ModelCIF file with pLDDT and N, C-alpha, C, O atoms, coordinates in Angstrom:
data_MODEL
#
_entry.id   MODEL 
#
_entity.id                         1 
_entity.type                       polymer 
_entity.pdbx_number_of_molecules   1 
#
_entity_poly.entity_id                      1 
_entity_poly.type                           'polypeptide(L)' 
_entity_poly.nstd_linkage                   no 
_entity_poly.nstd_monomer                   no 
_entity_poly.pdbx_seq_one_letter_code       FRQAPGKEREFVAAISRGGVRTEYEDSVLGRFTISRDNAKNMVY 
_entity_poly.pdbx_seq_one_letter_code_can   FRQAPGKEREFVAAISRGGVRTEYEDSVLGRFTISRDNAKNMVY 
_entity_poly.pdbx_strand_id                 A 
#
loop_
_entity_poly_seq.entity_id 
_entity_poly_seq.num 
_entity_poly_seq.mon_id 
_entity_poly_seq.hetero 
1 1  PHE n 
1 2  ARG n 
1 3  GLN n 
1 4  ALA n 
1 5  PRO n 
1 6  GLY n 
1 7  LYS n 
1 8  GLU n 
1 9  ARG n 
1 10 GLU n 
1 11 PHE n 
1 12 VAL n 
1 13 ALA n 
1 14 ALA n 
1 15 ILE n 
1 16 SER n 
1 17 ARG n 
1 18 GLY n 
1 19 GLY n 
1 20 VAL n 
1 21 ARG n 
1 22 THR n 
1 23 GLU n 
1 24 TYR n 
1 25 GLU n 
1 26 ASP n 
1 27 SER n 
1 28 VAL n 
1 29 LEU n 
1 30 GLY n 
1 31 ARG n 
1 32 PHE n 
1 33 THR n 
1 34 ILE n 
1 35 SER n 
1 36 ARG n 
1 37 ASP n 
1 38 ASN n 
1 39 ALA n 
1 40 LYS n 
1 41 ASN n 
1 42 MET n 
1 43 VAL n 
1 44 TYR n 
#
_struct_asym.id          A 
_struct_asym.entity_id   1 
#
loop_
_ma_qa_metric.id 
_ma_qa_metric.mode 
_ma_qa_metric.name 
_ma_qa_metric.software_group_id 
_ma_qa_metric.type 
1 global pLDDT . pLDDT 
2 local  pLDDT . pLDDT 
#
_ma_qa_metric_global.metric_id      1 
_ma_qa_metric_global.metric_value   96.89 
_ma_qa_metric_global.model_id       1 
_ma_qa_metric_global.ordinal_id     1 
#
loop_
_ma_qa_metric_local.label_asym_id 
_ma_qa_metric_local.label_comp_id 
_ma_qa_metric_local.label_seq_id 
_ma_qa_metric_local.metric_id 
_ma_qa_metric_local.metric_value 
_ma_qa_metric_local.model_id 
_ma_qa_metric_local.ordinal_id 
A PHE 1  2 98.00 1 1  
A ARG 2  2 98.00 1 2  
A GLN 3  2 98.00 1 3  
A ALA 4  2 97.00 1 4  
A PRO 5  2 91.00 1 5  
A GLY 6  2 94.00 1 6  
A LYS 7  2 96.00 1 7  
A GLU 8  2 96.00 1 8  
A ARG 9  2 97.00 1 9  
A GLU 10 2 98.00 1 10 
A PHE 11 2 98.00 1 11 
A VAL 12 2 98.00 1 12 
A ALA 13 2 98.00 1 13 
A ALA 14 2 98.00 1 14 
A ILE 15 2 98.00 1 15 
A SER 16 2 97.00 1 16 
A ARG 17 2 96.00 1 17 
A GLY 18 2 93.00 1 18 
A GLY 19 2 95.00 1 19 
A VAL 20 2 95.00 1 20 
A ARG 21 2 97.00 1 21 
A THR 22 2 98.00 1 22 
A GLU 23 2 98.00 1 23 
A TYR 24 2 98.00 1 24 
A GLU 25 2 98.00 1 25 
A ASP 26 2 98.00 1 26 
A SER 27 2 97.00 1 27 
A VAL 28 2 98.00 1 28 
A LEU 29 2 98.00 1 29 
A GLY 30 2 98.00 1 30 
A ARG 31 2 98.00 1 31 
A PHE 32 2 98.00 1 32 
A THR 33 2 98.00 1 33 
A ILE 34 2 98.00 1 34 
A SER 35 2 98.00 1 35 
A ARG 36 2 97.00 1 36 
A ASP 37 2 96.00 1 37 
A ASN 38 2 94.00 1 38 
A ALA 39 2 94.00 1 39 
A LYS 40 2 96.00 1 40 
A ASN 41 2 96.00 1 41 
A MET 42 2 97.00 1 42 
A VAL 43 2 98.00 1 43 
A TYR 44 2 98.00 1 44 
#
loop_
_atom_site.group_PDB 
_atom_site.id 
_atom_site.type_symbol 
_atom_site.label_atom_id 
_atom_site.label_alt_id 
_atom_site.label_comp_id 
_atom_site.label_asym_id 
_atom_site.label_entity_id 
_atom_site.label_seq_id 
_atom_site.pdbx_PDB_ins_code 
_atom_site.Cartn_x 
_atom_site.Cartn_y 
_atom_site.Cartn_z 
_atom_site.occupancy 
_atom_site.B_iso_or_equiv 
_atom_site.pdbx_formal_charge 
_atom_site.auth_seq_id 
_atom_site.auth_comp_id 
_atom_site.auth_asym_id 
_atom_site.auth_atom_id 
_atom_site.pdbx_PDB_model_num 
ATOM 1   N N  . PHE A 1 1  ? 73.251 33.937 52.650 1.00 98.00 ? 1  PHE A N  1 
ATOM 2   C CA . PHE A 1 1  ? 73.953 33.712 51.398 1.00 98.00 ? 1  PHE A CA 1 
ATOM 3   C C  . PHE A 1 1  ? 73.274 32.568 50.671 1.00 98.00 ? 1  PHE A C  1 
ATOM 4   O O  . PHE A 1 1  ? 72.484 31.830 51.259 1.00 98.00 ? 1  PHE A O  1 
ATOM 5   N N  . ARG A 1 2  ? 73.585 32.421 49.383 1.00 98.00 ? 2  ARG A N  1 
ATOM 6   C CA . ARG A 1 2  ? 73.022 31.313 48.635 1.00 98.00 ? 2  ARG A CA 1 
ATOM 7   C C  . ARG A 1 2  ? 74.011 30.824 47.590 1.00 98.00 ? 2  ARG A C  1 
ATOM 8   O O  . ARG A 1 2  ? 74.892 31.561 47.148 1.00 98.00 ? 2  ARG A O  1 
ATOM 9   N N  . GLN A 1 3  ? 73.846 29.574 47.210 1.00 98.00 ? 3  GLN A N  1 
ATOM 10  C CA . GLN A 1 3  ? 74.681 28.990 46.171 1.00 98.00 ? 3  GLN A CA 1 
ATOM 11  C C  . GLN A 1 3  ? 73.791 28.242 45.191 1.00 98.00 ? 3  GLN A C  1 
ATOM 12  O O  . GLN A 1 3  ? 73.180 27.231 45.536 1.00 98.00 ? 3  GLN A O  1 
ATOM 13  N N  . ALA A 1 4  ? 73.724 28.748 43.975 1.00 97.00 ? 4  ALA A N  1 
ATOM 14  C CA . ALA A 1 4  ? 72.926 28.142 42.921 1.00 97.00 ? 4  ALA A CA 1 
ATOM 15  C C  . ALA A 1 4  ? 73.746 27.087 42.186 1.00 97.00 ? 4  ALA A C  1 
ATOM 16  O O  . ALA A 1 4  ? 74.976 27.112 42.240 1.00 97.00 ? 4  ALA A O  1 
ATOM 17  N N  . PRO A 1 5  ? 73.082 26.167 41.504 1.00 91.00 ? 5  PRO A N  1 
ATOM 18  C CA . PRO A 1 5  ? 73.806 25.146 40.750 1.00 91.00 ? 5  PRO A CA 1 
ATOM 19  C C  . PRO A 1 5  ? 74.777 25.761 39.754 1.00 91.00 ? 5  PRO A C  1 
ATOM 20  O O  . PRO A 1 5  ? 74.400 26.625 38.963 1.00 91.00 ? 5  PRO A O  1 
ATOM 21  N N  . GLY A 1 6  ? 76.013 25.320 39.795 1.00 94.00 ? 6  GLY A N  1 
ATOM 22  C CA . GLY A 1 6  ? 77.016 25.798 38.866 1.00 94.00 ? 6  GLY A CA 1 
ATOM 23  C C  . GLY A 1 6  ? 77.557 27.182 39.152 1.00 94.00 ? 6  GLY A C  1 
ATOM 24  O O  . GLY A 1 6  ? 78.317 27.720 38.347 1.00 94.00 ? 6  GLY A O  1 
ATOM 25  N N  . LYS A 1 7  ? 77.184 27.773 40.278 1.00 96.00 ? 7  LYS A N  1 
ATOM 26  C CA . LYS A 1 7  ? 77.632 29.113 40.618 1.00 96.00 ? 7  LYS A CA 1 
ATOM 27  C C  . LYS A 1 7  ? 78.284 29.124 41.997 1.00 96.00 ? 7  LYS A C  1 
ATOM 28  O O  . LYS A 1 7  ? 78.089 28.212 42.800 1.00 96.00 ? 7  LYS A O  1 
ATOM 29  N N  . GLU A 1 8  ? 79.055 30.169 42.252 1.00 96.00 ? 8  GLU A N  1 
ATOM 30  C CA . GLU A 1 8  ? 79.690 30.307 43.547 1.00 96.00 ? 8  GLU A CA 1 
ATOM 31  C C  . GLU A 1 8  ? 78.717 30.914 44.550 1.00 96.00 ? 8  GLU A C  1 
ATOM 32  O O  . GLU A 1 8  ? 77.711 31.514 44.173 1.00 96.00 ? 8  GLU A O  1 
ATOM 33  N N  . ARG A 1 9  ? 79.026 30.750 45.816 1.00 97.00 ? 9  ARG A N  1 
ATOM 34  C CA . ARG A 1 9  ? 78.174 31.297 46.857 1.00 97.00 ? 9  ARG A CA 1 
ATOM 35  C C  . ARG A 1 9  ? 78.156 32.823 46.787 1.00 97.00 ? 9  ARG A C  1 
ATOM 36  O O  . ARG A 1 9  ? 79.193 33.452 46.575 1.00 97.00 ? 9  ARG A O  1 
ATOM 37  N N  . GLU A 1 10 ? 76.976 33.413 46.966 1.00 98.00 ? 10 GLU A N  1 
ATOM 38  C CA . GLU A 1 10 ? 76.840 34.843 46.849 1.00 98.00 ? 10 GLU A CA 1 
ATOM 39  C C  . GLU A 1 10 ? 76.046 35.421 48.014 1.00 98.00 ? 10 GLU A C  1 
ATOM 40  O O  . GLU A 1 10 ? 75.238 34.738 48.642 1.00 98.00 ? 10 GLU A O  1 
ATOM 41  N N  . PHE A 1 11 ? 76.295 36.678 48.278 1.00 98.00 ? 11 PHE A N  1 
ATOM 42  C CA . PHE A 1 11 ? 75.582 37.409 49.308 1.00 98.00 ? 11 PHE A CA 1 
ATOM 43  C C  . PHE A 1 11 ? 74.141 37.639 48.898 1.00 98.00 ? 11 PHE A C  1 
ATOM 44  O O  . PHE A 1 11 ? 73.857 37.908 47.730 1.00 98.00 ? 11 PHE A O  1 
ATOM 45  N N  . VAL A 1 12 ? 73.223 37.534 49.861 1.00 98.00 ? 12 VAL A N  1 
ATOM 46  C CA . VAL A 1 12 ? 71.812 37.783 49.607 1.00 98.00 ? 12 VAL A CA 1 
ATOM 47  C C  . VAL A 1 12 ? 71.312 38.970 50.417 1.00 98.00 ? 12 VAL A C  1 
ATOM 48  O O  . VAL A 1 12 ? 70.788 39.932 49.857 1.00 98.00 ? 12 VAL A O  1 
ATOM 49  N N  . ALA A 1 13 ? 71.473 38.902 51.737 1.00 98.00 ? 13 ALA A N  1 
ATOM 50  C CA . ALA A 1 13 ? 70.965 39.951 52.605 1.00 98.00 ? 13 ALA A CA 1 
ATOM 51  C C  . ALA A 1 13 ? 71.664 39.888 53.949 1.00 98.00 ? 13 ALA A C  1 
ATOM 52  O O  . ALA A 1 13 ? 72.184 38.843 54.340 1.00 98.00 ? 13 ALA A O  1 
ATOM 53  N N  . ALA A 1 14 ? 71.676 41.011 54.654 1.00 98.00 ? 14 ALA A N  1 
ATOM 54  C CA . ALA A 1 14 ? 72.258 41.060 55.987 1.00 98.00 ? 14 ALA A CA 1 
ATOM 55  C C  . ALA A 1 14 ? 71.526 42.086 56.831 1.00 98.00 ? 14 ALA A C  1 
ATOM 56  O O  . ALA A 1 14 ? 70.917 43.020 56.309 1.00 98.00 ? 14 ALA A O  1 
ATOM 57  N N  . ILE A 1 15 ? 71.592 41.902 58.137 1.00 98.00 ? 15 ILE A N  1 
ATOM 58  C CA . ILE A 1 15 ? 70.920 42.794 59.064 1.00 98.00 ? 15 ILE A CA 1 
ATOM 59  C C  . ILE A 1 15 ? 71.854 43.098 60.221 1.00 98.00 ? 15 ILE A C  1 
ATOM 60  O O  . ILE A 1 15 ? 72.531 42.209 60.738 1.00 98.00 ? 15 ILE A O  1 
ATOM 61  N N  . SER A 1 16 ? 71.885 44.358 60.620 1.00 97.00 ? 16 SER A N  1 
ATOM 62  C CA . SER A 1 16 ? 72.826 44.808 61.634 1.00 97.00 ? 16 SER A CA 1 
ATOM 63  C C  . SER A 1 16 ? 72.309 44.579 63.045 1.00 97.00 ? 16 SER A C  1 
ATOM 64  O O  . SER A 1 16 ? 71.183 44.130 63.259 1.00 97.00 ? 16 SER A O  1 
ATOM 65  N N  . ARG A 1 17 ? 73.164 44.900 63.988 1.00 96.00 ? 17 ARG A N  1 
ATOM 66  C CA . ARG A 1 17 ? 72.795 44.896 65.394 1.00 96.00 ? 17 ARG A CA 1 
ATOM 67  C C  . ARG A 1 17 ? 71.552 45.743 65.618 1.00 96.00 ? 17 ARG A C  1 
ATOM 68  O O  . ARG A 1 17 ? 71.503 46.906 65.215 1.00 96.00 ? 17 ARG A O  1 
ATOM 69  N N  . GLY A 1 18 ? 70.557 45.164 66.255 1.00 93.00 ? 18 GLY A N  1 
ATOM 70  C CA . GLY A 1 18 ? 69.320 45.879 66.499 1.00 93.00 ? 18 GLY A CA 1 
ATOM 71  C C  . GLY A 1 18 ? 68.427 46.028 65.286 1.00 93.00 ? 18 GLY A C  1 
ATOM 72  O O  . GLY A 1 18 ? 67.342 46.600 65.393 1.00 93.00 ? 18 GLY A O  1 
ATOM 73  N N  . GLY A 1 19 ? 68.851 45.528 64.133 1.00 95.00 ? 19 GLY A N  1 
ATOM 74  C CA . GLY A 1 19 ? 68.053 45.621 62.925 1.00 95.00 ? 19 GLY A CA 1 
ATOM 75  C C  . GLY A 1 19 ? 67.958 47.027 62.359 1.00 95.00 ? 19 GLY A C  1 
ATOM 76  O O  . GLY A 1 19 ? 67.047 47.324 61.586 1.00 95.00 ? 19 GLY A O  1 
ATOM 77  N N  . VAL A 1 20 ? 68.891 47.899 62.738 1.00 95.00 ? 20 VAL A N  1 
ATOM 78  C CA . VAL A 1 20 ? 68.847 49.283 62.290 1.00 95.00 ? 20 VAL A CA 1 
ATOM 79  C C  . VAL A 1 20 ? 69.079 49.401 60.785 1.00 95.00 ? 20 VAL A C  1 
ATOM 80  O O  . VAL A 1 20 ? 68.424 50.199 60.114 1.00 95.00 ? 20 VAL A O  1 
ATOM 81  N N  . ARG A 1 21 ? 69.996 48.619 60.264 1.00 97.00 ? 21 ARG A N  1 
ATOM 82  C CA . ARG A 1 21 ? 70.331 48.683 58.846 1.00 97.00 ? 21 ARG A CA 1 
ATOM 83  C C  . ARG A 1 21 ? 70.257 47.306 58.213 1.00 97.00 ? 21 ARG A C  1 
ATOM 84  O O  . ARG A 1 21 ? 70.649 46.305 58.812 1.00 97.00 ? 21 ARG A O  1 
ATOM 85  N N  . THR A 1 22 ? 69.752 47.276 57.003 1.00 98.00 ? 22 THR A N  1 
ATOM 86  C CA . THR A 1 22 ? 69.748 46.061 56.206 1.00 98.00 ? 22 THR A CA 1 
ATOM 87  C C  . THR A 1 22 ? 70.377 46.341 54.851 1.00 98.00 ? 22 THR A C  1 
ATOM 88  O O  . THR A 1 22 ? 70.354 47.470 54.361 1.00 98.00 ? 22 THR A O  1 
ATOM 89  N N  . GLU A 1 23 ? 70.934 45.307 54.258 1.00 98.00 ? 23 GLU A N  1 
ATOM 90  C CA . GLU A 1 23 ? 71.511 45.401 52.924 1.00 98.00 ? 23 GLU A CA 1 
ATOM 91  C C  . GLU A 1 23 ? 71.055 44.198 52.112 1.00 98.00 ? 23 GLU A C  1 
ATOM 92  O O  . GLU A 1 23 ? 70.867 43.104 52.643 1.00 98.00 ? 23 GLU A O  1 
ATOM 93  N N  . TYR A 1 24 ? 70.880 44.425 50.806 1.00 98.00 ? 24 TYR A N  1 
ATOM 94  C CA . TYR A 1 24 ? 70.426 43.373 49.916 1.00 98.00 ? 24 TYR A CA 1 
ATOM 95  C C  . TYR A 1 24 ? 71.233 43.359 48.627 1.00 98.00 ? 24 TYR A C  1 
ATOM 96  O O  . TYR A 1 24 ? 71.670 44.401 48.139 1.00 98.00 ? 24 TYR A O  1 
ATOM 97  N N  . GLU A 1 25 ? 71.421 42.178 48.092 1.00 98.00 ? 25 GLU A N  1 
ATOM 98  C CA . GLU A 1 25 ? 71.994 42.061 46.769 1.00 98.00 ? 25 GLU A CA 1 
ATOM 99  C C  . GLU A 1 25 ? 71.000 42.649 45.773 1.00 98.00 ? 25 GLU A C  1 
ATOM 100 O O  . GLU A 1 25 ? 69.789 42.542 45.961 1.00 98.00 ? 25 GLU A O  1 
ATOM 101 N N  . ASP A 1 26 ? 71.511 43.266 44.721 1.00 98.00 ? 26 ASP A N  1 
ATOM 102 C CA . ASP A 1 26 ? 70.654 43.945 43.763 1.00 98.00 ? 26 ASP A CA 1 
ATOM 103 C C  . ASP A 1 26 ? 69.578 43.033 43.175 1.00 98.00 ? 26 ASP A C  1 
ATOM 104 O O  . ASP A 1 26 ? 68.461 43.478 42.912 1.00 98.00 ? 26 ASP A O  1 
ATOM 105 N N  . SER A 1 27 ? 69.903 41.788 42.975 1.00 97.00 ? 27 SER A N  1 
ATOM 106 C CA . SER A 1 27 ? 68.969 40.875 42.337 1.00 97.00 ? 27 SER A CA 1 
ATOM 107 C C  . SER A 1 27 ? 67.766 40.527 43.206 1.00 97.00 ? 27 SER A C  1 
ATOM 108 O O  . SER A 1 27 ? 66.759 40.041 42.691 1.00 97.00 ? 27 SER A O  1 
ATOM 109 N N  . VAL A 1 28 ? 67.852 40.765 44.517 1.00 98.00 ? 28 VAL A N  1 
ATOM 110 C CA . VAL A 1 28 ? 66.747 40.439 45.414 1.00 98.00 ? 28 VAL A CA 1 
ATOM 111 C C  . VAL A 1 28 ? 66.124 41.671 46.050 1.00 98.00 ? 28 VAL A C  1 
ATOM 112 O O  . VAL A 1 28 ? 65.099 41.565 46.724 1.00 98.00 ? 28 VAL A O  1 
ATOM 113 N N  . LEU A 1 29 ? 66.718 42.821 45.849 1.00 98.00 ? 29 LEU A N  1 
ATOM 114 C CA . LEU A 1 29 ? 66.221 44.060 46.438 1.00 98.00 ? 29 LEU A CA 1 
ATOM 115 C C  . LEU A 1 29 ? 64.783 44.318 46.008 1.00 98.00 ? 29 LEU A C  1 
ATOM 116 O O  . LEU A 1 29 ? 64.459 44.274 44.821 1.00 98.00 ? 29 LEU A O  1 
ATOM 117 N N  . GLY A 1 30 ? 63.929 44.587 46.984 1.00 98.00 ? 30 GLY A N  1 
ATOM 118 C CA . GLY A 1 30 ? 62.523 44.822 46.708 1.00 98.00 ? 30 GLY A CA 1 
ATOM 119 C C  . GLY A 1 30 ? 61.676 43.574 46.721 1.00 98.00 ? 30 GLY A C  1 
ATOM 120 O O  . GLY A 1 30 ? 60.448 43.657 46.750 1.00 98.00 ? 30 GLY A O  1 
ATOM 121 N N  . ARG A 1 31 ? 62.309 42.423 46.701 1.00 98.00 ? 31 ARG A N  1 
ATOM 122 C CA . ARG A 1 31 ? 61.582 41.153 46.717 1.00 98.00 ? 31 ARG A CA 1 
ATOM 123 C C  . ARG A 1 31 ? 61.785 40.377 48.018 1.00 98.00 ? 31 ARG A C  1 
ATOM 124 O O  . ARG A 1 31 ? 60.866 39.714 48.497 1.00 98.00 ? 31 ARG A O  1 
ATOM 125 N N  . PHE A 1 32 ? 62.983 40.461 48.584 1.00 98.00 ? 32 PHE A N  1 
ATOM 126 C CA . PHE A 1 32 ? 63.316 39.737 49.810 1.00 98.00 ? 32 PHE A CA 1 
ATOM 127 C C  . PHE A 1 32 ? 63.382 40.705 50.987 1.00 98.00 ? 32 PHE A C  1 
ATOM 128 O O  . PHE A 1 32 ? 63.740 41.872 50.825 1.00 98.00 ? 32 PHE A O  1 
ATOM 129 N N  . THR A 1 33 ? 63.036 40.212 52.165 1.00 98.00 ? 33 THR A N  1 
ATOM 130 C CA . THR A 1 33 ? 63.120 41.000 53.386 1.00 98.00 ? 33 THR A CA 1 
ATOM 131 C C  . THR A 1 33 ? 63.783 40.178 54.479 1.00 98.00 ? 33 THR A C  1 
ATOM 132 O O  . THR A 1 33 ? 63.336 39.076 54.798 1.00 98.00 ? 33 THR A O  1 
ATOM 133 N N  . ILE A 1 34 ? 64.850 40.718 55.049 1.00 98.00 ? 34 ILE A N  1 
ATOM 134 C CA . ILE A 1 34 ? 65.516 40.063 56.170 1.00 98.00 ? 34 ILE A CA 1 
ATOM 135 C C  . ILE A 1 34 ? 65.036 40.705 57.467 1.00 98.00 ? 34 ILE A C  1 
ATOM 136 O O  . ILE A 1 34 ? 64.839 41.918 57.531 1.00 98.00 ? 34 ILE A O  1 
ATOM 137 N N  . SER A 1 35 ? 64.851 39.894 58.487 1.00 98.00 ? 35 SER A N  1 
ATOM 138 C CA . SER A 1 35 ? 64.431 40.394 59.789 1.00 98.00 ? 35 SER A CA 1 
ATOM 139 C C  . SER A 1 35 ? 65.021 39.504 60.871 1.00 98.00 ? 35 SER A C  1 
ATOM 140 O O  . SER A 1 35 ? 65.550 38.430 60.585 1.00 98.00 ? 35 SER A O  1 
ATOM 141 N N  . ARG A 1 36 ? 64.926 39.957 62.110 1.00 97.00 ? 36 ARG A N  1 
ATOM 142 C CA . ARG A 1 36 ? 65.465 39.164 63.204 1.00 97.00 ? 36 ARG A CA 1 
ATOM 143 C C  . ARG A 1 36 ? 64.593 39.288 64.434 1.00 97.00 ? 36 ARG A C  1 
ATOM 144 O O  . ARG A 1 36 ? 63.873 40.271 64.607 1.00 97.00 ? 36 ARG A O  1 
ATOM 145 N N  . ASP A 1 37 ? 64.667 38.280 65.286 1.00 96.00 ? 37 ASP A N  1 
ATOM 146 C CA . ASP A 1 37 ? 63.947 38.246 66.546 1.00 96.00 ? 37 ASP A CA 1 
ATOM 147 C C  . ASP A 1 37 ? 64.963 37.902 67.622 1.00 96.00 ? 37 ASP A C  1 
ATOM 148 O O  . ASP A 1 37 ? 65.316 36.736 67.801 1.00 96.00 ? 37 ASP A O  1 
ATOM 149 N N  . ASN A 1 38 ? 65.427 38.906 68.333 1.00 94.00 ? 38 ASN A N  1 
ATOM 150 C CA . ASN A 1 38 ? 66.480 38.690 69.319 1.00 94.00 ? 38 ASN A CA 1 
ATOM 151 C C  . ASN A 1 38 ? 66.035 37.799 70.474 1.00 94.00 ? 38 ASN A C  1 
ATOM 152 O O  . ASN A 1 38 ? 66.838 37.041 71.020 1.00 94.00 ? 38 ASN A O  1 
ATOM 153 N N  . ALA A 1 39 ? 64.767 37.886 70.845 1.00 94.00 ? 39 ALA A N  1 
ATOM 154 C CA . ALA A 1 39 ? 64.262 37.066 71.939 1.00 94.00 ? 39 ALA A CA 1 
ATOM 155 C C  . ALA A 1 39 ? 64.367 35.583 71.621 1.00 94.00 ? 39 ALA A C  1 
ATOM 156 O O  . ALA A 1 39 ? 64.521 34.755 72.519 1.00 94.00 ? 39 ALA A O  1 
ATOM 157 N N  . LYS A 1 40 ? 64.283 35.251 70.330 1.00 96.00 ? 40 LYS A N  1 
ATOM 158 C CA . LYS A 1 40 ? 64.359 33.861 69.895 1.00 96.00 ? 40 LYS A CA 1 
ATOM 159 C C  . LYS A 1 40 ? 65.724 33.505 69.320 1.00 96.00 ? 40 LYS A C  1 
ATOM 160 O O  . LYS A 1 40 ? 65.967 32.352 68.961 1.00 96.00 ? 40 LYS A O  1 
ATOM 161 N N  . ASN A 1 41 ? 66.622 34.494 69.230 1.00 96.00 ? 41 ASN A N  1 
ATOM 162 C CA . ASN A 1 41 ? 67.943 34.276 68.653 1.00 96.00 ? 41 ASN A CA 1 
ATOM 163 C C  . ASN A 1 41 ? 67.826 33.728 67.227 1.00 96.00 ? 41 ASN A C  1 
ATOM 164 O O  . ASN A 1 41 ? 68.515 32.781 66.846 1.00 96.00 ? 41 ASN A O  1 
ATOM 165 N N  . MET A 1 42 ? 66.929 34.354 66.450 1.00 97.00 ? 42 MET A N  1 
ATOM 166 C CA . MET A 1 42 ? 66.650 33.881 65.102 1.00 97.00 ? 42 MET A CA 1 
ATOM 167 C C  . MET A 1 42 ? 66.718 35.005 64.080 1.00 97.00 ? 42 MET A C  1 
ATOM 168 O O  . MET A 1 42 ? 66.559 36.180 64.410 1.00 97.00 ? 42 MET A O  1 
ATOM 169 N N  . VAL A 1 43 ? 66.956 34.623 62.849 1.00 98.00 ? 43 VAL A N  1 
ATOM 170 C CA . VAL A 1 43 ? 66.926 35.543 61.720 1.00 98.00 ? 43 VAL A CA 1 
ATOM 171 C C  . VAL A 1 43 ? 66.069 34.915 60.635 1.00 98.00 ? 43 VAL A C  1 
ATOM 172 O O  . VAL A 1 43 ? 66.035 33.693 60.492 1.00 98.00 ? 43 VAL A O  1 
ATOM 173 N N  . TYR A 1 44 ? 65.370 35.758 59.865 1.00 98.00 ? 44 TYR A N  1 
ATOM 174 C CA . TYR A 1 44 ? 64.429 35.278 58.870 1.00 98.00 ? 44 TYR A CA 1 
ATOM 175 C C  . TYR A 1 44 ? 64.716 35.896 57.508 1.00 98.00 ? 44 TYR A C  1 
ATOM 176 O O  . TYR A 1 44 ? 64.017 35.605 56.538 1.00 98.00 ? 44 TYR A O  1 
#
């Protein structure tokens, strides 16, 4: 999620269990990519 100056917090991207499905806010679709590394317990 993100919060810009003067704006409320908004959804950006999410990734499901196993990375099977991802979702993006329309404003970032095609520009941002969410991914995860389970071995490191991290999301990018």
